[in-house]
Amino acid sequence: MAPFLTELVVADFAKQMQPKQILPVHNGYAKSFFLKQRYETYGLYFEKLRIQFHYLT
């Protein structure tokens, strides 16, 4: 996550790289309600690609 980063860019990057797992970092400045929504969106998307997304709390 970064001020200039979009969910579409992250999704495209991960799709190209095809990692087995994703661990989000640099999310410390974001509000918890925003992270919850974003993580849920990522989780569903990456699950379809068979990429494990780790939810941080």
C-alpha atoms as a PDB file:
ATOM      1  CA  MET A   1       0.000   0.000   0.000  1.00  0.00           C
ATOM      2  CA  ALA A   2       1.166   3.470  -0.832  1.00  0.00           C
ATOM      3  CA  PRO A   3      -0.541   6.771  -1.615  1.00  0.00           C
ATOM      4  CA  PHE A   4       0.154   6.279  -5.326  1.00  0.00           C
ATOM      5  CA  LEU A   5      -0.724   2.575  -5.494  1.00  0.00           C
ATOM      6  CA  THR A   6      -4.098   1.264  -6.650  1.00  0.00           C
ATOM      7  CA  GLU A   7      -5.740  -2.115  -6.104  1.00  0.00           C
ATOM      8  CA  LEU A   8      -5.656  -2.697  -9.863  1.00  0.00           C
ATOM      9  CA  VAL A   9      -1.878  -2.230 -10.009  1.00  0.00           C
ATOM     10  CA  VAL A  10      -1.375  -4.633  -7.094  1.00  0.00           C
ATOM     11  CA  ALA A  11      -3.700  -7.210  -8.638  1.00  0.00           C
ATOM     12  CA  ASP A  12      -1.970  -7.007 -12.022  1.00  0.00           C
ATOM     13  CA  PHE A  13       1.491  -7.250 -10.470  1.00  0.00           C
ATOM     14  CA  ALA A  14       0.543 -10.315  -8.430  1.00  0.00           C
ATOM     15  CA  LYS A  15      -1.112 -11.944 -11.419  1.00  0.00           C
ATOM     16  CA  GLN A  16       2.082 -11.512 -13.432  1.00  0.00           C
ATOM     17  CA  MET A  17       4.411 -12.682 -10.650  1.00  0.00           C
ATOM     18  CA  GLN A  18       2.242 -15.665  -9.574  1.00  0.00           C
ATOM     19  CA  PRO A  19       3.554 -15.905  -5.994  1.00  0.00           C
ATOM     20  CA  LYS A  20       2.337 -18.657  -3.700  1.00  0.00           C
ATOM     21  CA  GLN A  21       1.657 -16.198  -0.893  1.00  0.00           C
ATOM     22  CA  ILE A  22       1.221 -12.469  -0.357  1.00  0.00           C
ATOM     23  CA  LEU A  23       2.031 -10.666   2.866  1.00  0.00           C
ATOM     24  CA  PRO A  24       0.937  -7.015   2.882  1.00  0.00           C
ATOM     25  CA  VAL A  25       3.391  -4.477   4.298  1.00  0.00           C
ATOM     26  CA  HIS A  26       3.565  -0.710   4.755  1.00  0.00           C
ATOM     27  CA  ASN A  27      -0.050  -0.458   5.895  1.00  0.00           C
ATOM     28  CA  GLY A  28       0.637   1.221   9.233  1.00  0.00           C
ATOM     29  CA  TYR A  29      -0.832   4.599   8.327  1.00  0.00           C
ATOM     30  CA  ALA A  30      -4.166   3.211   7.063  1.00  0.00           C
ATOM     31  CA  LYS A  31      -7.282   3.075   9.221  1.00  0.00           C
ATOM     32  CA  SER A  32      -8.427  -0.381  10.290  1.00  0.00           C
ATOM     33  CA  PHE A  33     -11.826  -0.111   8.528  1.00  0.00           C
ATOM     34  CA  PHE A  34     -10.035   0.695   5.266  1.00  0.00           C
ATOM     35  CA  LEU A  35      -7.618  -2.214   5.641  1.00  0.00           C
ATOM     36  CA  LYS A  36     -10.477  -4.596   6.417  1.00  0.00           C
ATOM     37  CA  GLN A  37     -12.253  -3.655   3.184  1.00  0.00           C
ATOM     38  CA  ARG A  38      -9.087  -3.803   1.127  1.00  0.00           C
ATOM     39  CA  TYR A  39      -7.965  -7.133   2.595  1.00  0.00           C
ATOM     40  CA  GLU A  40     -11.370  -8.667   1.931  1.00  0.00           C
ATOM     41  CA  THR A  41     -11.212  -7.517  -1.680  1.00  0.00           C
ATOM     42  CA  TYR A  42      -7.677  -8.838  -2.133  1.00  0.00           C
ATOM     43  CA  GLY A  43      -8.471 -12.094  -0.356  1.00  0.00           C
ATOM     44  CA  LEU A  44     -11.317 -12.956  -2.708  1.00  0.00           C
ATOM     45  CA  TYR A  45      -9.375 -11.974  -5.811  1.00  0.00           C
ATOM     46  CA  PHE A  46      -6.180 -13.815  -4.910  1.00  0.00           C
ATOM     47  CA  GLU A  47      -8.075 -16.903  -3.782  1.00  0.00           C
ATOM     48  CA  LYS A  48      -9.346 -17.260  -7.359  1.00  0.00           C
ATOM     49  CA  LEU A  49      -5.725 -17.136  -8.539  1.00  0.00           C
ATOM     50  CA  ARG A  50      -4.741 -19.731  -5.903  1.00  0.00           C
ATOM     51  CA  ILE A  51      -2.506 -17.226  -4.128  1.00  0.00           C
ATOM     52  CA  GLN A  52      -2.695 -17.203  -0.342  1.00  0.00           C
ATOM     53  CA  PHE A  53      -3.244 -13.696   1.036  1.00  0.00           C
ATOM     54  CA  HIS A  54      -2.255 -13.235   4.671  1.00  0.00           C
ATOM     55  CA  TYR A  55      -4.496 -10.879   6.631  1.00  0.00           C
ATOM     56  CA  LEU A  56      -2.567  -8.799   9.139  1.00  0.00           C
ATOM     57  CA  THR A  57      -4.233  -7.490  12.257  1.00  0.00           C
END
